[in-house]
Amino acid sequence: MHDAQLTVSPTNTWSILQTDGALVQGGYGHSSVYDPNTESVYTHGGYKAFTANKYRLTDDLYKFEINNHTW
């Protein structure tokens, strides 16, 4: 296994990656952690929109594989 290479843009900007796998709905208030053994980011919980003006806590757990950009 090789070390994941994460870089910071000199302009401090975000970019949108092309990803495969699950369609992940955005939210806020979640927790995320990077696991160097699987080279993945795990995201758990937070709030999601269920209607136009109603948010609820979720118990969703997502895994994002960094090397192949797959959820």
PDB file of N, CA and C in Angstrom:
ATOM      1  N   MET A   1       0.851  -1.170   0.000  1.00  0.00           N
ATOM      2  CA  MET A   1       0.000   0.000   0.000  1.00  0.00           C
ATOM      3  C   MET A   1       0.895   1.231   0.000  1.00  0.00           C
ATOM      4  N   HIS A   2       0.499   2.255  -0.759  1.00  0.00           N
ATOM      5  CA  HIS A   2       1.286   3.475  -0.816  1.00  0.00           C
ATOM      6  C   HIS A   2       0.611   4.577  -0.019  1.00  0.00           C
ATOM      7  N   ASP A   3       1.369   5.612   0.324  1.00  0.00           N
ATOM      8  CA  ASP A   3       0.824   6.744   1.067  1.00  0.00           C
ATOM      9  C   ASP A   3      -0.020   7.614   0.157  1.00  0.00           C
ATOM     10  N   ALA A   4      -1.185   8.022   0.643  1.00  0.00           N
ATOM     11  CA  ALA A   4      -2.051   8.923  -0.120  1.00  0.00           C
ATOM     12  C   ALA A   4      -1.393  10.298  -0.180  1.00  0.00           C
ATOM     13  N   GLN A   5      -1.496  10.944  -1.297  1.00  0.00           N
ATOM     14  CA  GLN A   5      -0.936  12.273  -1.485  1.00  0.00           C
ATOM     15  C   GLN A   5      -2.074  13.286  -1.514  1.00  0.00           C
ATOM     16  N   LEU A   6      -2.159  14.119  -0.518  1.00  0.00           N
ATOM     17  CA  LEU A   6      -3.153  15.178  -0.485  1.00  0.00           C
ATOM     18  C   LEU A   6      -2.428  16.497  -0.674  1.00  0.00           C
ATOM     19  N   THR A   7      -2.927  17.333  -1.546  1.00  0.00           N
ATOM     20  CA  THR A   7      -2.274  18.608  -1.802  1.00  0.00           C
ATOM     21  C   THR A   7      -3.249  19.748  -1.563  1.00  0.00           C
ATOM     22  N   VAL A   8      -2.694  20.904  -1.251  1.00  0.00           N
ATOM     23  CA  VAL A   8      -3.491  22.102  -1.053  1.00  0.00           C
ATOM     24  C   VAL A   8      -3.232  23.032  -2.230  1.00  0.00           C
ATOM     25  N   SER A   9      -4.305  23.522  -2.814  1.00  0.00           N
ATOM     26  CA  SER A   9      -4.196  24.444  -3.928  1.00  0.00           C
ATOM     27  C   SER A   9      -3.543  25.740  -3.466  1.00  0.00           C
ATOM     28  N   PRO A  10      -2.662  26.326  -4.282  1.00  0.00           N
ATOM     29  CA  PRO A  10      -2.039  27.604  -3.879  1.00  0.00           C
ATOM     30  C   PRO A  10      -3.060  28.735  -3.778  1.00  0.00           C
ATOM     31  N   THR A  11      -4.229  28.558  -4.375  1.00  0.00           N
ATOM     32  CA  THR A  11      -5.261  29.596  -4.294  1.00  0.00           C
ATOM     33  C   THR A  11      -6.293  29.288  -3.211  1.00  0.00           C
ATOM     34  N   ASN A  12      -6.078  28.212  -2.435  1.00  0.00           N
ATOM     35  CA  ASN A  12      -7.001  27.811  -1.369  1.00  0.00           C
ATOM     36  C   ASN A  12      -8.434  27.684  -1.876  1.00  0.00           C
ATOM     37  N   THR A  13      -8.617  26.959  -2.951  1.00  0.00           N
ATOM     38  CA  THR A  13      -9.944  26.770  -3.528  1.00  0.00           C
ATOM     39  C   THR A  13     -10.316  25.293  -3.522  1.00  0.00           C
ATOM     40  N   TRP A  14     -11.620  25.037  -3.497  1.00  0.00           N
ATOM     41  CA  TRP A  14     -12.141  23.686  -3.601  1.00  0.00           C
ATOM     42  C   TRP A  14     -12.340  23.356  -5.065  1.00  0.00           C
ATOM     43  N   SER A  15     -12.285  22.090  -5.396  1.00  0.00           N
ATOM     44  CA  SER A  15     -12.613  21.664  -6.753  1.00  0.00           C
ATOM     45  C   SER A  15     -13.561  20.467  -6.662  1.00  0.00           C
ATOM     46  N   ILE A  16     -14.375  20.300  -7.687  1.00  0.00           N
ATOM     47  CA  ILE A  16     -15.334  19.204  -7.730  1.00  0.00           C
ATOM     48  C   ILE A  16     -14.706  18.034  -8.466  1.00  0.00           C
ATOM     49  N   LEU A  17     -14.692  16.870  -7.810  1.00  0.00           N
ATOM     50  CA  LEU A  17     -14.142  15.657  -8.411  1.00  0.00           C
ATOM     51  C   LEU A  17     -15.237  14.865  -9.105  1.00  0.00           C
ATOM     52  N   GLN A  18     -14.898  14.199 -10.175  1.00  0.00           N
ATOM     53  CA  GLN A  18     -15.778  13.207 -10.771  1.00  0.00           C
ATOM     54  C   GLN A  18     -15.681  11.973  -9.886  1.00  0.00           C
ATOM     55  N   THR A  19     -16.818  11.458  -9.400  1.00  0.00           N
ATOM     56  CA  THR A  19     -16.812  10.298  -8.517  1.00  0.00           C
ATOM     57  C   THR A  19     -17.700   9.198  -9.082  1.00  0.00           C
ATOM     58  N   ASP A  20     -17.506   7.994  -8.576  1.00  0.00           N
ATOM     59  CA  ASP A  20     -18.319   6.835  -8.917  1.00  0.00           C
ATOM     60  C   ASP A  20     -18.978   6.319  -7.644  1.00  0.00           C
ATOM     61  N   GLY A  21     -19.912   5.409  -7.814  1.00  0.00           N
ATOM     62  CA  GLY A  21     -20.542   4.780  -6.659  1.00  0.00           C
ATOM     63  C   GLY A  21     -21.844   5.444  -6.273  1.00  0.00           C
ATOM     64  N   ALA A  22     -22.120   5.462  -4.981  1.00  0.00           N
ATOM     65  CA  ALA A  22     -23.378   5.986  -4.450  1.00  0.00           C
ATOM     66  C   ALA A  22     -23.541   7.474  -4.736  1.00  0.00           C
ATOM     67  N   LEU A  23     -24.796   7.895  -4.834  1.00  0.00           N
ATOM     68  CA  LEU A  23     -25.102   9.318  -4.924  1.00  0.00           C
ATOM     69  C   LEU A  23     -25.289   9.816  -3.495  1.00  0.00           C
ATOM     70  N   VAL A  24     -24.348  10.623  -3.038  1.00  0.00           N
ATOM     71  CA  VAL A  24     -24.339  11.083  -1.654  1.00  0.00           C
ATOM     72  C   VAL A  24     -25.018  12.444  -1.573  1.00  0.00           C
ATOM     73  N   GLN A  25     -26.036  12.536  -0.720  1.00  0.00           N
ATOM     74  CA  GLN A  25     -26.729  13.803  -0.515  1.00  0.00           C
ATOM     75  C   GLN A  25     -25.929  14.649   0.461  1.00  0.00           C
ATOM     76  N   GLY A  26     -25.743  15.920   0.128  1.00  0.00           N
ATOM     77  CA  GLY A  26     -25.004  16.821   1.003  1.00  0.00           C
ATOM     78  C   GLY A  26     -25.728  17.087   2.308  1.00  0.00           C
ATOM     79  N   GLY A  27     -24.994  17.493   3.290  1.00  0.00           N
ATOM     80  CA  GLY A  27     -25.557  17.807   4.591  1.00  0.00           C
ATOM     81  C   GLY A  27     -24.572  18.660   5.371  1.00  0.00           C
ATOM     82  N   TYR A  28     -24.823  18.797   6.661  1.00  0.00           N
ATOM     83  CA  TYR A  28     -23.908  19.554   7.512  1.00  0.00           C
ATOM     84  C   TYR A  28     -23.954  18.987   8.917  1.00  0.00           C
ATOM     85  N   GLY A  29     -22.955  19.332   9.713  1.00  0.00           N
ATOM     86  CA  GLY A  29     -22.903  18.883  11.094  1.00  0.00           C
ATOM     87  C   GLY A  29     -22.429  17.454  11.266  1.00  0.00           C
ATOM     88  N   HIS A  30     -21.870  16.863  10.224  1.00  0.00           N
ATOM     89  CA  HIS A  30     -21.392  15.480  10.291  1.00  0.00           C
ATOM     90  C   HIS A  30     -19.980  15.426  10.874  1.00  0.00           C
ATOM     91  N   SER A  31     -19.512  14.219  11.102  1.00  0.00           N
ATOM     92  CA  SER A  31     -18.133  13.971  11.507  1.00  0.00           C
ATOM     93  C   SER A  31     -17.446  13.181  10.413  1.00  0.00           C
ATOM     94  N   SER A  32     -16.181  13.485  10.176  1.00  0.00           N
ATOM     95  CA  SER A  32     -15.402  12.764   9.169  1.00  0.00           C
ATOM     96  C   SER A  32     -14.048  12.409   9.732  1.00  0.00           C
ATOM     97  N   VAL A  33     -13.500  11.299   9.249  1.00  0.00           N
ATOM     98  CA  VAL A  33     -12.179  10.856   9.679  1.00  0.00           C
ATOM     99  C   VAL A  33     -11.483  10.189   8.498  1.00  0.00           C
ATOM    100  N   TYR A  34     -10.174  10.377   8.417  1.00  0.00           N
ATOM    101  CA  TYR A  34      -9.355   9.726   7.391  1.00  0.00           C
ATOM    102  C   TYR A  34      -8.709   8.492   7.990  1.00  0.00           C
ATOM    103  N   ASP A  35      -8.816   7.356   7.294  1.00  0.00           N
ATOM    104  CA  ASP A  35      -8.184   6.110   7.716  1.00  0.00           C
ATOM    105  C   ASP A  35      -7.030   5.804   6.773  1.00  0.00           C
ATOM    106  N   PRO A  36      -5.779   5.931   7.235  1.00  0.00           N
ATOM    107  CA  PRO A  36      -4.640   5.675   6.360  1.00  0.00           C
ATOM    108  C   PRO A  36      -4.514   4.214   5.932  1.00  0.00           C
ATOM    109  N   ASN A  37      -5.094   3.280   6.692  1.00  0.00           N
ATOM    110  CA  ASN A  37      -5.009   1.865   6.321  1.00  0.00           C
ATOM    111  C   ASN A  37      -5.828   1.551   5.077  1.00  0.00           C
ATOM    112  N   THR A  38      -6.995   2.166   4.947  1.00  0.00           N
ATOM    113  CA  THR A  38      -7.840   1.935   3.772  1.00  0.00           C
ATOM    114  C   THR A  38      -7.738   3.074   2.767  1.00  0.00           C
ATOM    115  N   GLU A  39      -7.000   4.127   3.120  1.00  0.00           N
ATOM    116  CA  GLU A  39      -6.886   5.332   2.299  1.00  0.00           C
ATOM    117  C   GLU A  39      -8.264   5.848   1.921  1.00  0.00           C
ATOM    118  N   SER A  40      -9.121   5.932   2.936  1.00  0.00           N
ATOM    119  CA  SER A  40     -10.509   6.339   2.751  1.00  0.00           C
ATOM    120  C   SER A  40     -10.904   7.377   3.790  1.00  0.00           C
ATOM    121  N   VAL A  41     -11.929   8.159   3.456  1.00  0.00           N
ATOM    122  CA  VAL A  41     -12.531   9.096   4.384  1.00  0.00           C
ATOM    123  C   VAL A  41     -13.909   8.548   4.734  1.00  0.00           C
ATOM    124  N   TYR A  42     -14.191   8.440   6.039  1.00  0.00           N
ATOM    125  CA  TYR A  42     -15.488   7.996   6.515  1.00  0.00           C
ATOM    126  C   TYR A  42     -16.238   9.213   7.054  1.00  0.00           C
ATOM    127  N   THR A  43     -17.502   9.352   6.650  1.00  0.00           N
ATOM    128  CA  THR A  43     -18.339  10.466   7.079  1.00  0.00           C
ATOM    129  C   THR A  43     -19.590   9.895   7.723  1.00  0.00           C
ATOM    130  N   HIS A  44     -19.915  10.387   8.929  1.00  0.00           N
ATOM    131  CA  HIS A  44     -21.051   9.834   9.672  1.00  0.00           C
ATOM    132  C   HIS A  44     -21.953  10.935  10.215  1.00  0.00           C
ATOM    133  N   GLY A  45     -23.266  10.674  10.147  1.00  0.00           N
ATOM    134  CA  GLY A  45     -24.256  11.504  10.812  1.00  0.00           C
ATOM    135  C   GLY A  45     -24.447  12.876  10.205  1.00  0.00           C
ATOM    136  N   GLY A  46     -24.891  13.794  11.027  1.00  0.00           N
ATOM    137  CA  GLY A  46     -25.155  15.157  10.603  1.00  0.00           C
ATOM    138  C   GLY A  46     -26.615  15.366  10.265  1.00  0.00           C
ATOM    139  N   TYR A  47     -26.885  16.486   9.642  1.00  0.00           N
ATOM    140  CA  TYR A  47     -28.237  16.866   9.245  1.00  0.00           C
ATOM    141  C   TYR A  47     -28.374  16.806   7.736  1.00  0.00           C
ATOM    142  N   LYS A  48     -29.570  16.400   7.272  1.00  0.00           N
ATOM    143  CA  LYS A  48     -29.891  16.360   5.848  1.00  0.00           C
ATOM    144  C   LYS A  48     -31.248  16.992   5.626  1.00  0.00           C
ATOM    145  N   ALA A  49     -31.432  17.573   4.446  1.00  0.00           N
ATOM    146  CA  ALA A  49     -32.736  18.111   4.076  1.00  0.00           C
ATOM    147  C   ALA A  49     -33.644  16.966   3.646  1.00  0.00           C
ATOM    148  N   PHE A  50     -34.837  16.893   4.233  1.00  0.00           N
ATOM    149  CA  PHE A  50     -35.808  15.887   3.849  1.00  0.00           C
ATOM    150  C   PHE A  50     -36.967  16.508   3.071  1.00  0.00           C
ATOM    151  N   THR A  51     -37.177  17.784   3.255  1.00  0.00           N
ATOM    152  CA  THR A  51     -38.096  18.573   2.444  1.00  0.00           C
ATOM    153  C   THR A  51     -37.439  19.931   2.244  1.00  0.00           C
ATOM    154  N   ALA A  52     -38.101  20.829   1.558  1.00  0.00           N
ATOM    155  CA  ALA A  52     -37.500  22.129   1.235  1.00  0.00           C
ATOM    156  C   ALA A  52     -37.083  22.910   2.473  1.00  0.00           C
ATOM    157  N   ASN A  53     -37.775  22.752   3.598  1.00  0.00           N
ATOM    158  CA  ASN A  53     -37.429  23.531   4.793  1.00  0.00           C
ATOM    159  C   ASN A  53     -37.370  22.689   6.061  1.00  0.00           C
ATOM    160  N   LYS A  54     -37.163  21.384   5.924  1.00  0.00           N
ATOM    161  CA  LYS A  54     -37.114  20.506   7.087  1.00  0.00           C
ATOM    162  C   LYS A  54     -35.844  19.662   7.056  1.00  0.00           C
ATOM    163  N   TYR A  55     -35.052  19.776   8.126  1.00  0.00           N
ATOM    164  CA  TYR A  55     -33.819  19.014   8.270  1.00  0.00           C
ATOM    165  C   TYR A  55     -33.964  18.061   9.444  1.00  0.00           C
ATOM    166  N   ARG A  56     -33.323  16.898   9.320  1.00  0.00           N
ATOM    167  CA  ARG A  56     -33.325  15.920  10.405  1.00  0.00           C
ATOM    168  C   ARG A  56     -31.930  15.345  10.565  1.00  0.00           C
ATOM    169  N   LEU A  57     -31.645  14.873  11.777  1.00  0.00           N
ATOM    170  CA  LEU A  57     -30.407  14.148  12.021  1.00  0.00           C
ATOM    171  C   LEU A  57     -30.452  12.818  11.284  1.00  0.00           C
ATOM    172  N   THR A  58     -29.302  12.393  10.761  1.00  0.00           N
ATOM    173  CA  THR A  58     -29.216  11.096  10.104  1.00  0.00           C
ATOM    174  C   THR A  58     -28.201  10.215  10.803  1.00  0.00           C
ATOM    175  N   ASP A  59     -28.273   8.946  10.524  1.00  0.00           N
ATOM    176  CA  ASP A  59     -27.312   7.981  11.046  1.00  0.00           C
ATOM    177  C   ASP A  59     -26.564   7.340   9.880  1.00  0.00           C
ATOM    178  N   ASP A  60     -26.445   8.079   8.772  1.00  0.00           N
ATOM    179  CA  ASP A  60     -25.787   7.558   7.573  1.00  0.00           C
ATOM    180  C   ASP A  60     -24.278   7.491   7.770  1.00  0.00           C
ATOM    181  N   LEU A  61     -23.678   6.479   7.179  1.00  0.00           N
ATOM    182  CA  LEU A  61     -22.230   6.328   7.181  1.00  0.00           C
ATOM    183  C   LEU A  61     -21.777   6.153   5.732  1.00  0.00           C
ATOM    184  N   TYR A  62     -20.876   7.012   5.285  1.00  0.00           N
ATOM    185  CA  TYR A  62     -20.336   6.952   3.930  1.00  0.00           C
ATOM    186  C   TYR A  62     -18.838   6.694   3.992  1.00  0.00           C
ATOM    187  N   LYS A  63     -18.351   5.985   2.987  1.00  0.00           N
ATOM    188  CA  LYS A  63     -16.918   5.747   2.833  1.00  0.00           C
ATOM    189  C   LYS A  63     -16.519   6.268   1.459  1.00  0.00           C
ATOM    190  N   PHE A  64     -15.516   7.155   1.426  1.00  0.00           N
ATOM    191  CA  PHE A  64     -15.000   7.666   0.162  1.00  0.00           C
ATOM    192  C   PHE A  64     -13.584   7.147  -0.030  1.00  0.00           C
ATOM    193  N   GLU A  65     -13.376   6.354  -1.086  1.00  0.00           N
ATOM    194  CA  GLU A  65     -12.056   5.806  -1.392  1.00  0.00           C
ATOM    195  C   GLU A  65     -11.300   6.834  -2.216  1.00  0.00           C
ATOM    196  N   ILE A  66     -10.250   7.376  -1.632  1.00  0.00           N
ATOM    197  CA  ILE A  66      -9.526   8.511  -2.235  1.00  0.00           C
ATOM    198  C   ILE A  66      -8.880   8.154  -3.565  1.00  0.00           C
ATOM    199  N   ASN A  67      -8.234   7.013  -3.650  1.00  0.00           N
ATOM    200  CA  ASN A  67      -7.457   6.686  -4.844  1.00  0.00           C
ATOM    201  C   ASN A  67      -8.282   6.472  -6.097  1.00  0.00           C
ATOM    202  N   ASN A  68      -9.530   5.962  -5.932  1.00  0.00           N
ATOM    203  CA  ASN A  68     -10.339   5.742  -7.134  1.00  0.00           C
ATOM    204  C   ASN A  68     -11.605   6.603  -7.146  1.00  0.00           C
ATOM    205  N   HIS A  69     -11.690   7.571  -6.229  1.00  0.00           N
ATOM    206  CA  HIS A  69     -12.801   8.530  -6.169  1.00  0.00           C
ATOM    207  C   HIS A  69     -14.160   7.843  -6.172  1.00  0.00           C
ATOM    208  N   THR A  70     -14.314   6.826  -5.309  1.00  0.00           N
ATOM    209  CA  THR A  70     -15.547   6.052  -5.263  1.00  0.00           C
ATOM    210  C   THR A  70     -16.182   6.140  -3.869  1.00  0.00           C
ATOM    211  N   TRP A  71     -17.485   6.392  -3.848  1.00  0.00           N
ATOM    212  CA  TRP A  71     -18.259   6.361  -2.598  1.00  0.00           C
ATOM    213  C   TRP A  71     -18.693   4.955  -2.332  1.00  0.00           C
TER     214      TRP A  71
END
